[in-house]
PDB file of all heavy atoms in Angstrom:
ATOM      1  N   VAL A   1      41.902  54.892  11.115  1.00  0.00           N
ATOM      2  CA  VAL A   1      41.379  55.917  10.232  1.00  0.00           C
ATOM      3  C   VAL A   1      40.666  55.311   8.974  1.00  0.00           C
ATOM      4  O   VAL A   1      40.068  56.086   8.253  1.00  0.00           O
ATOM      5  CB  VAL A   1      42.475  56.866   9.724  1.00  0.00           C
ATOM      6  CG1 VAL A   1      43.087  57.581  10.922  1.00  0.00           C
ATOM      7  CG2 VAL A   1      43.519  56.202   8.934  1.00  0.00           C
ATOM      8  N   ARG A   2      40.742  54.044   8.764  1.00  0.00           N
ATOM      9  CA  ARG A   2      40.165  53.512   7.586  1.00  0.00           C
ATOM     10  C   ARG A   2      38.745  53.012   7.730  1.00  0.00           C
ATOM     11  O   ARG A   2      38.124  52.554   6.803  1.00  0.00           O
ATOM     12  CB  ARG A   2      41.038  52.370   6.996  1.00  0.00           C
ATOM     13  CG  ARG A   2      42.443  52.831   6.743  1.00  0.00           C
ATOM     14  CD  ARG A   2      42.418  54.046   5.836  1.00  0.00           C
ATOM     15  NE  ARG A   2      43.777  54.557   5.739  1.00  0.00           N
ATOM     16  CZ  ARG A   2      44.075  55.639   5.092  1.00  0.00           C
ATOM     17  NH1 ARG A   2      43.151  56.335   4.521  1.00  0.00           N
ATOM     18  NH2 ARG A   2      45.340  56.026   4.989  1.00  0.00           N
ATOM     19  N   GLY A   3      38.214  53.070   8.884  1.00  0.00           N
ATOM     20  CA  GLY A   3      36.868  52.626   9.105  1.00  0.00           C
ATOM     21  C   GLY A   3      35.923  53.841   9.264  1.00  0.00           C
ATOM     22  O   GLY A   3      36.316  54.910   9.049  1.00  0.00           O
ATOM     23  N   PRO A   4      34.674  53.627   9.492  1.00  0.00           N
ATOM     24  CA  PRO A   4      34.139  52.265   9.623  1.00  0.00           C
ATOM     25  C   PRO A   4      33.968  51.682   8.207  1.00  0.00           C
ATOM     26  O   PRO A   4      33.828  52.361   7.228  1.00  0.00           O
ATOM     27  CB  PRO A   4      32.777  52.520  10.277  1.00  0.00           C
ATOM     28  CG  PRO A   4      32.435  53.940   9.937  1.00  0.00           C
ATOM     29  CD  PRO A   4      33.715  54.693   9.810  1.00  0.00           C
ATOM     30  N   GLY A   5      34.040  50.390   8.213  1.00  0.00           N
ATOM     31  CA  GLY A   5      33.827  49.635   6.945  1.00  0.00           C
ATOM     32  C   GLY A   5      35.052  49.525   6.054  1.00  0.00           C
ATOM     33  O   GLY A   5      34.916  49.156   4.918  1.00  0.00           O
ATOM     34  N   GLY A   6      36.214  49.849   6.612  1.00  0.00           N
ATOM     35  CA  GLY A   6      37.431  49.764   5.763  1.00  0.00           C
ATOM     36  C   GLY A   6      37.998  48.352   5.752  1.00  0.00           C
ATOM     37  O   GLY A   6      37.590  47.473   6.490  1.00  0.00           O
ATOM     38  N   THR A   7      38.951  48.199   4.860  1.00  0.00           N
ATOM     39  CA  THR A   7      39.689  46.919   4.759  1.00  0.00           C
ATOM     40  C   THR A   7      41.207  47.190   4.883  1.00  0.00           C
ATOM     41  O   THR A   7      41.717  48.106   4.243  1.00  0.00           O
ATOM     42  CB  THR A   7      39.430  46.198   3.442  1.00  0.00           C
ATOM     43  OG1 THR A   7      38.039  45.924   3.307  1.00  0.00           O
ATOM     44  CG2 THR A   7      40.184  44.909   3.303  1.00  0.00           C
ATOM     45  N   LEU A   8      41.858  46.519   5.760  1.00  0.00           N
ATOM     46  CA  LEU A   8      43.280  46.575   5.941  1.00  0.00           C
ATOM     47  C   LEU A   8      43.917  45.296   5.466  1.00  0.00           C
ATOM     48  O   LEU A   8      43.639  44.235   5.998  1.00  0.00           O
ATOM     49  CB  LEU A   8      43.597  46.792   7.494  1.00  0.00           C
ATOM     50  CG  LEU A   8      45.078  46.931   7.820  1.00  0.00           C
ATOM     51  CD1 LEU A   8      45.696  48.145   7.188  1.00  0.00           C
ATOM     52  CD2 LEU A   8      45.203  47.007   9.352  1.00  0.00           C
ATOM     53  N   PHE A   9      44.772  45.400   4.462  1.00  0.00           N
ATOM     54  CA  PHE A   9      45.494  44.277   3.898  1.00  0.00           C
ATOM     55  C   PHE A   9      46.928  44.298   4.460  1.00  0.00           C
ATOM     56  O   PHE A   9      47.677  45.182   4.202  1.00  0.00           O
ATOM     57  CB  PHE A   9      45.490  44.387   2.377  1.00  0.00           C
ATOM     58  CG  PHE A   9      46.344  43.300   1.713  1.00  0.00           C
ATOM     59  CD1 PHE A   9      46.179  41.984   2.049  1.00  0.00           C
ATOM     60  CD2 PHE A   9      47.224  43.627   0.740  1.00  0.00           C
ATOM     61  CE1 PHE A   9      46.944  40.976   1.452  1.00  0.00           C
ATOM     62  CE2 PHE A   9      47.996  42.679   0.117  1.00  0.00           C
ATOM     63  CZ  PHE A   9      47.847  41.357   0.474  1.00  0.00           C
ATOM     64  N   LEU A  10      47.209  43.291   5.272  1.00  0.00           N
ATOM     65  CA  LEU A  10      48.559  43.120   5.808  1.00  0.00           C
ATOM     66  C   LEU A  10      49.342  42.155   4.969  1.00  0.00           C
ATOM     67  O   LEU A  10      49.197  40.926   5.110  1.00  0.00           O
ATOM     68  CB  LEU A  10      48.440  42.640   7.244  1.00  0.00           C
ATOM     69  CG  LEU A  10      47.715  43.559   8.207  1.00  0.00           C
ATOM     70  CD1 LEU A  10      47.565  42.939   9.574  1.00  0.00           C
ATOM     71  CD2 LEU A  10      48.404  44.930   8.317  1.00  0.00           C
ATOM     72  N   ASP A  11      50.126  42.699   4.093  1.00  0.00           N
ATOM     73  CA  ASP A  11      50.954  41.864   3.179  1.00  0.00           C
ATOM     74  C   ASP A  11      52.215  41.448   3.887  1.00  0.00           C
ATOM     75  O   ASP A  11      52.800  42.205   4.676  1.00  0.00           O
ATOM     76  CB  ASP A  11      51.277  42.707   1.947  1.00  0.00           C
ATOM     77  CG  ASP A  11      51.795  41.847   0.783  1.00  0.00           C
ATOM     78  OD1 ASP A  11      51.654  40.634   0.863  1.00  0.00           O
ATOM     79  OD2 ASP A  11      52.341  42.429  -0.185  1.00  0.00           O
ATOM     80  N   GLU A  12      52.659  40.244   3.619  1.00  0.00           N
ATOM     81  CA  GLU A  12      53.881  39.672   4.258  1.00  0.00           C
ATOM     82  C   GLU A  12      53.769  39.703   5.768  1.00  0.00           C
ATOM     83  O   GLU A  12      54.742  40.025   6.499  1.00  0.00           O
ATOM     84  CB  GLU A  12      55.185  40.423   3.787  1.00  0.00           C
ATOM     85  CG  GLU A  12      55.427  40.325   2.318  1.00  0.00           C
ATOM     86  CD  GLU A  12      55.545  38.856   1.814  1.00  0.00           C
ATOM     87  OE1 GLU A  12      55.901  37.946   2.635  1.00  0.00           O
ATOM     88  OE2 GLU A  12      55.299  38.627   0.661  1.00  0.00           O
ATOM     89  N   ILE A  13      52.634  39.240   6.255  1.00  0.00           N
ATOM     90  CA  ILE A  13      52.461  39.178   7.708  1.00  0.00           C
ATOM     91  C   ILE A  13      53.364  38.239   8.406  1.00  0.00           C
ATOM     92  O   ILE A  13      53.654  38.346   9.588  1.00  0.00           O
ATOM     93  CB  ILE A  13      50.929  38.863   8.066  1.00  0.00           C
ATOM     94  CG1 ILE A  13      50.699  39.220   9.563  1.00  0.00           C
ATOM     95  CG2 ILE A  13      50.624  37.422   7.770  1.00  0.00           C
ATOM     96  CD1 ILE A  13      49.254  39.295   9.919  1.00  0.00           C
ATOM     97  N   GLY A  14      53.895  37.271   7.644  1.00  0.00           N
ATOM     98  CA  GLY A  14      54.949  36.334   8.191  1.00  0.00           C
ATOM     99  C   GLY A  14      56.214  37.022   8.662  1.00  0.00           C
ATOM    100  O   GLY A  14      56.989  36.467   9.376  1.00  0.00           O
ATOM    101  N   GLU A  15      56.369  38.243   8.165  1.00  0.00           N
ATOM    102  CA  GLU A  15      57.575  39.034   8.533  1.00  0.00           C
ATOM    103  C   GLU A  15      57.387  39.878   9.789  1.00  0.00           C
ATOM    104  O   GLU A  15      58.263  40.480  10.312  1.00  0.00           O
ATOM    105  CB  GLU A  15      57.998  39.979   7.405  1.00  0.00           C
ATOM    106  CG  GLU A  15      58.271  39.288   6.077  1.00  0.00           C
ATOM    107  CD  GLU A  15      59.594  38.541   6.108  1.00  0.00           C
ATOM    108  OE1 GLU A  15      60.521  38.959   6.859  1.00  0.00           O
ATOM    109  OE2 GLU A  15      59.712  37.513   5.430  1.00  0.00           O
ATOM    110  N   MET A  16      56.094  39.908  10.290  1.00  0.00           N
ATOM    111  CA  MET A  16      55.766  40.754  11.428  1.00  0.00           C
ATOM    112  C   MET A  16      56.465  40.203  12.687  1.00  0.00           C
ATOM    113  O   MET A  16      56.348  39.011  12.951  1.00  0.00           O
ATOM    114  CB  MET A  16      54.303  40.802  11.640  1.00  0.00           C
ATOM    115  CG  MET A  16      53.832  41.712  12.780  1.00  0.00           C
ATOM    116  SD  MET A  16      52.015  41.720  12.968  1.00  0.00           S
ATOM    117  CE  MET A  16      51.602  42.928  11.714  1.00  0.00           C
ATOM    118  N   PRO A  17      57.165  41.061  13.461  1.00  0.00           N
ATOM    119  CA  PRO A  17      57.771  40.590  14.692  1.00  0.00           C
ATOM    120  C   PRO A  17      56.721  40.049  15.657  1.00  0.00           C
ATOM    121  O   PRO A  17      55.585  40.518  15.702  1.00  0.00           O
ATOM    122  CB  PRO A  17      58.450  41.858  15.265  1.00  0.00           C
ATOM    123  CG  PRO A  17      58.547  42.797  14.089  1.00  0.00           C
ATOM    124  CD  PRO A  17      57.436  42.468  13.180  1.00  0.00           C
ATOM    125  N   VAL A  18      57.171  39.077  16.486  1.00  0.00           N
ATOM    126  CA  VAL A  18      56.244  38.369  17.376  1.00  0.00           C
ATOM    127  C   VAL A  18      55.584  39.363  18.365  1.00  0.00           C
ATOM    128  O   VAL A  18      54.361  39.244  18.643  1.00  0.00           O
ATOM    129  CB  VAL A  18      56.923  37.247  18.137  1.00  0.00           C
ATOM    130  CG1 VAL A  18      56.042  36.617  19.185  1.00  0.00           C
ATOM    131  CG2 VAL A  18      57.408  36.180  17.117  1.00  0.00           C
ATOM    132  N   ASP A  19      56.316  40.335  18.865  1.00  0.00           N
ATOM    133  CA  ASP A  19      55.724  41.273  19.814  1.00  0.00           C
ATOM    134  C   ASP A  19      54.669  42.128  19.129  1.00  0.00           C
ATOM    135  O   ASP A  19      53.622  42.496  19.743  1.00  0.00           O
ATOM    136  CB  ASP A  19      56.749  42.121  20.508  1.00  0.00           C
ATOM    137  CG  ASP A  19      57.581  42.937  19.553  1.00  0.00           C
ATOM    138  OD1 ASP A  19      57.762  42.567  18.375  1.00  0.00           O
ATOM    139  OD2 ASP A  19      58.092  44.052  19.958  1.00  0.00           O
ATOM    140  N   MET A  20      54.750  42.376  17.833  1.00  0.00           N
ATOM    141  CA  MET A  20      53.735  43.127  17.114  1.00  0.00           C
ATOM    142  C   MET A  20      52.516  42.224  16.865  1.00  0.00           C
ATOM    143  O   MET A  20      51.385  42.680  16.838  1.00  0.00           O
ATOM    144  CB  MET A  20      54.275  43.639  15.800  1.00  0.00           C
ATOM    145  CG  MET A  20      55.162  44.860  15.915  1.00  0.00           C
ATOM    146  SD  MET A  20      54.251  46.264  16.638  1.00  0.00           S
ATOM    147  CE  MET A  20      52.870  46.359  15.527  1.00  0.00           C
ATOM    148  N   GLN A  21      52.797  40.915  16.722  1.00  0.00           N
ATOM    149  CA  GLN A  21      51.697  39.964  16.530  1.00  0.00           C
ATOM    150  C   GLN A  21      50.786  39.957  17.750  1.00  0.00           C
ATOM    151  O   GLN A  21      49.583  39.852  17.628  1.00  0.00           O
ATOM    152  CB  GLN A  21      52.234  38.575  16.273  1.00  0.00           C
ATOM    153  CG  GLN A  21      52.992  38.428  14.956  1.00  0.00           C
ATOM    154  CD  GLN A  21      53.580  37.074  14.786  1.00  0.00           C
ATOM    155  OE1 GLN A  21      53.101  36.070  15.341  1.00  0.00           O
ATOM    156  NE2 GLN A  21      54.714  37.009  14.072  1.00  0.00           N
ATOM    157  N   VAL A  22      51.425  40.123  18.959  1.00  0.00           N
ATOM    158  CA  VAL A  22      50.593  40.163  20.178  1.00  0.00           C
ATOM    159  C   VAL A  22      49.669  41.351  20.182  1.00  0.00           C
ATOM    160  O   VAL A  22      48.487  41.258  20.465  1.00  0.00           O
ATOM    161  CB  VAL A  22      51.561  40.177  21.410  1.00  0.00           C
ATOM    162  CG1 VAL A  22      50.770  40.402  22.684  1.00  0.00           C
ATOM    163  CG2 VAL A  22      52.342  38.902  21.474  1.00  0.00           C
ATOM    164  N   SER A  23      50.205  42.514  19.746  1.00  0.00           N
ATOM    165  CA  SER A  23      49.376  43.727  19.669  1.00  0.00           C
ATOM    166  C   SER A  23      48.262  43.595  18.646  1.00  0.00           C
ATOM    167  O   SER A  23      47.136  43.970  18.935  1.00  0.00           O
ATOM    168  CB  SER A  23      50.313  44.903  19.318  1.00  0.00           C
ATOM    169  OG  SER A  23      51.282  45.123  20.334  1.00  0.00           O
ATOM    170  N   LEU A  24      48.554  43.016  17.536  1.00  0.00           N
ATOM    171  CA  LEU A  24      47.537  42.836  16.474  1.00  0.00           C
ATOM    172  C   LEU A  24      46.475  41.863  16.980  1.00  0.00           C
ATOM    173  O   LEU A  24      45.286  42.012  16.731  1.00  0.00           O
ATOM    174  CB  LEU A  24      48.171  42.354  15.188  1.00  0.00           C
ATOM    175  CG  LEU A  24      47.213  42.098  14.053  1.00  0.00           C
ATOM    176  CD1 LEU A  24      46.411  43.346  13.655  1.00  0.00           C
ATOM    177  CD2 LEU A  24      47.960  41.502  12.834  1.00  0.00           C
ATOM    178  N   LEU A  25      46.912  40.803  17.636  1.00  0.00           N
ATOM    179  CA  LEU A  25      45.957  39.824  18.198  1.00  0.00           C
ATOM    180  C   LEU A  25      45.003  40.485  19.152  1.00  0.00           C
ATOM    181  O   LEU A  25      43.755  40.277  19.084  1.00  0.00           O
ATOM    182  CB  LEU A  25      46.674  38.651  18.900  1.00  0.00           C
ATOM    183  CG  LEU A  25      45.836  37.599  19.551  1.00  0.00           C
ATOM    184  CD1 LEU A  25      45.025  36.853  18.476  1.00  0.00           C
ATOM    185  CD2 LEU A  25      46.742  36.593  20.241  1.00  0.00           C
ATOM    186  N   ARG A  26      45.508  41.351  20.000  1.00  0.00           N
ATOM    187  CA  ARG A  26      44.660  42.071  20.979  1.00  0.00           C
ATOM    188  C   ARG A  26      43.605  42.923  20.205  1.00  0.00           C
ATOM    189  O   ARG A  26      42.429  42.943  20.567  1.00  0.00           O
ATOM    190  CB  ARG A  26      45.497  42.941  21.832  1.00  0.00           C
ATOM    191  CG  ARG A  26      44.797  43.916  22.710  1.00  0.00           C
ATOM    192  CD  ARG A  26      44.047  43.297  23.815  1.00  0.00           C
ATOM    193  NE  ARG A  26      44.875  42.472  24.597  1.00  0.00           N
ATOM    194  CZ  ARG A  26      44.679  42.071  25.823  1.00  0.00           C
ATOM    195  NH1 ARG A  26      43.609  42.524  26.422  1.00  0.00           N
ATOM    196  NH2 ARG A  26      45.427  41.228  26.401  1.00  0.00           N
ATOM    197  N   VAL A  27      44.046  43.592  19.194  1.00  0.00           N
ATOM    198  CA  VAL A  27      43.138  44.438  18.401  1.00  0.00           C
ATOM    199  C   VAL A  27      42.069  43.615  17.748  1.00  0.00           C
ATOM    200  O   VAL A  27      40.848  43.951  17.790  1.00  0.00           O
ATOM    201  CB  VAL A  27      43.906  45.199  17.269  1.00  0.00           C
ATOM    202  CG1 VAL A  27      42.967  45.830  16.278  1.00  0.00           C
ATOM    203  CG2 VAL A  27      44.787  46.284  17.909  1.00  0.00           C
ATOM    204  N   LEU A  28      42.407  42.455  17.195  1.00  0.00           N
ATOM    205  CA  LEU A  28      41.421  41.590  16.577  1.00  0.00           C
ATOM    206  C   LEU A  28      40.410  40.990  17.565  1.00  0.00           C
ATOM    207  O   LEU A  28      39.234  40.866  17.357  1.00  0.00           O
ATOM    208  CB  LEU A  28      42.094  40.490  15.790  1.00  0.00           C
ATOM    209  CG  LEU A  28      42.938  40.904  14.599  1.00  0.00           C
ATOM    210  CD1 LEU A  28      43.700  39.727  14.025  1.00  0.00           C
ATOM    211  CD2 LEU A  28      42.126  41.647  13.558  1.00  0.00           C
ATOM    212  N   GLN A  29      40.947  40.631  18.752  1.00  0.00           N
ATOM    213  CA  GLN A  29      40.073  40.026  19.777  1.00  0.00           C
ATOM    214  C   GLN A  29      39.136  41.038  20.380  1.00  0.00           C
ATOM    215  O   GLN A  29      37.943  40.753  20.610  1.00  0.00           O
ATOM    216  CB  GLN A  29      40.956  39.389  20.885  1.00  0.00           C
ATOM    217  CG  GLN A  29      41.578  38.131  20.502  1.00  0.00           C
ATOM    218  CD  GLN A  29      42.462  37.528  21.623  1.00  0.00           C
ATOM    219  OE1 GLN A  29      43.018  36.507  21.395  1.00  0.00           O
ATOM    220  NE2 GLN A  29      42.581  38.139  22.754  1.00  0.00           N
ATOM    221  N   GLU A  30      39.663  42.199  20.693  1.00  0.00           N
ATOM    222  CA  GLU A  30      38.882  43.225  21.421  1.00  0.00           C
ATOM    223  C   GLU A  30      38.025  44.080  20.423  1.00  0.00           C
ATOM    224  O   GLU A  30      37.172  44.815  20.883  1.00  0.00           O
ATOM    225  CB  GLU A  30      39.764  44.157  22.219  1.00  0.00           C
ATOM    226  CG  GLU A  30      40.630  43.425  23.245  1.00  0.00           C
ATOM    227  CD  GLU A  30      39.779  42.768  24.305  1.00  0.00           C
ATOM    228  OE1 GLU A  30      38.749  43.303  24.694  1.00  0.00           O
ATOM    229  OE2 GLU A  30      40.204  41.621  24.730  1.00  0.00           O
ATOM    230  N   GLN A  31      38.359  44.049  19.167  1.00  0.00           N
ATOM    231  CA  GLN A  31      37.762  44.865  18.129  1.00  0.00           C
ATOM    232  C   GLN A  31      37.831  46.335  18.504  1.00  0.00           C
ATOM    233  O   GLN A  31      36.872  47.128  18.368  1.00  0.00           O
ATOM    234  CB  GLN A  31      36.296  44.443  17.829  1.00  0.00           C
ATOM    235  CG  GLN A  31      36.250  43.066  17.257  1.00  0.00           C
ATOM    236  CD  GLN A  31      34.833  42.640  16.944  1.00  0.00           C
ATOM    237  OE1 GLN A  31      33.869  43.264  17.305  1.00  0.00           O
ATOM    238  NE2 GLN A  31      34.693  41.527  16.269  1.00  0.00           N
TER     239      GLN A  31
END
């Protein structure tokens, strides 16, 4: 909902569970 042209700031990403990291990686790769 923040686009087009939005910015998403993920604070404390080091706390993100590994399985969620996989989902985020897919979003970034596939756009």
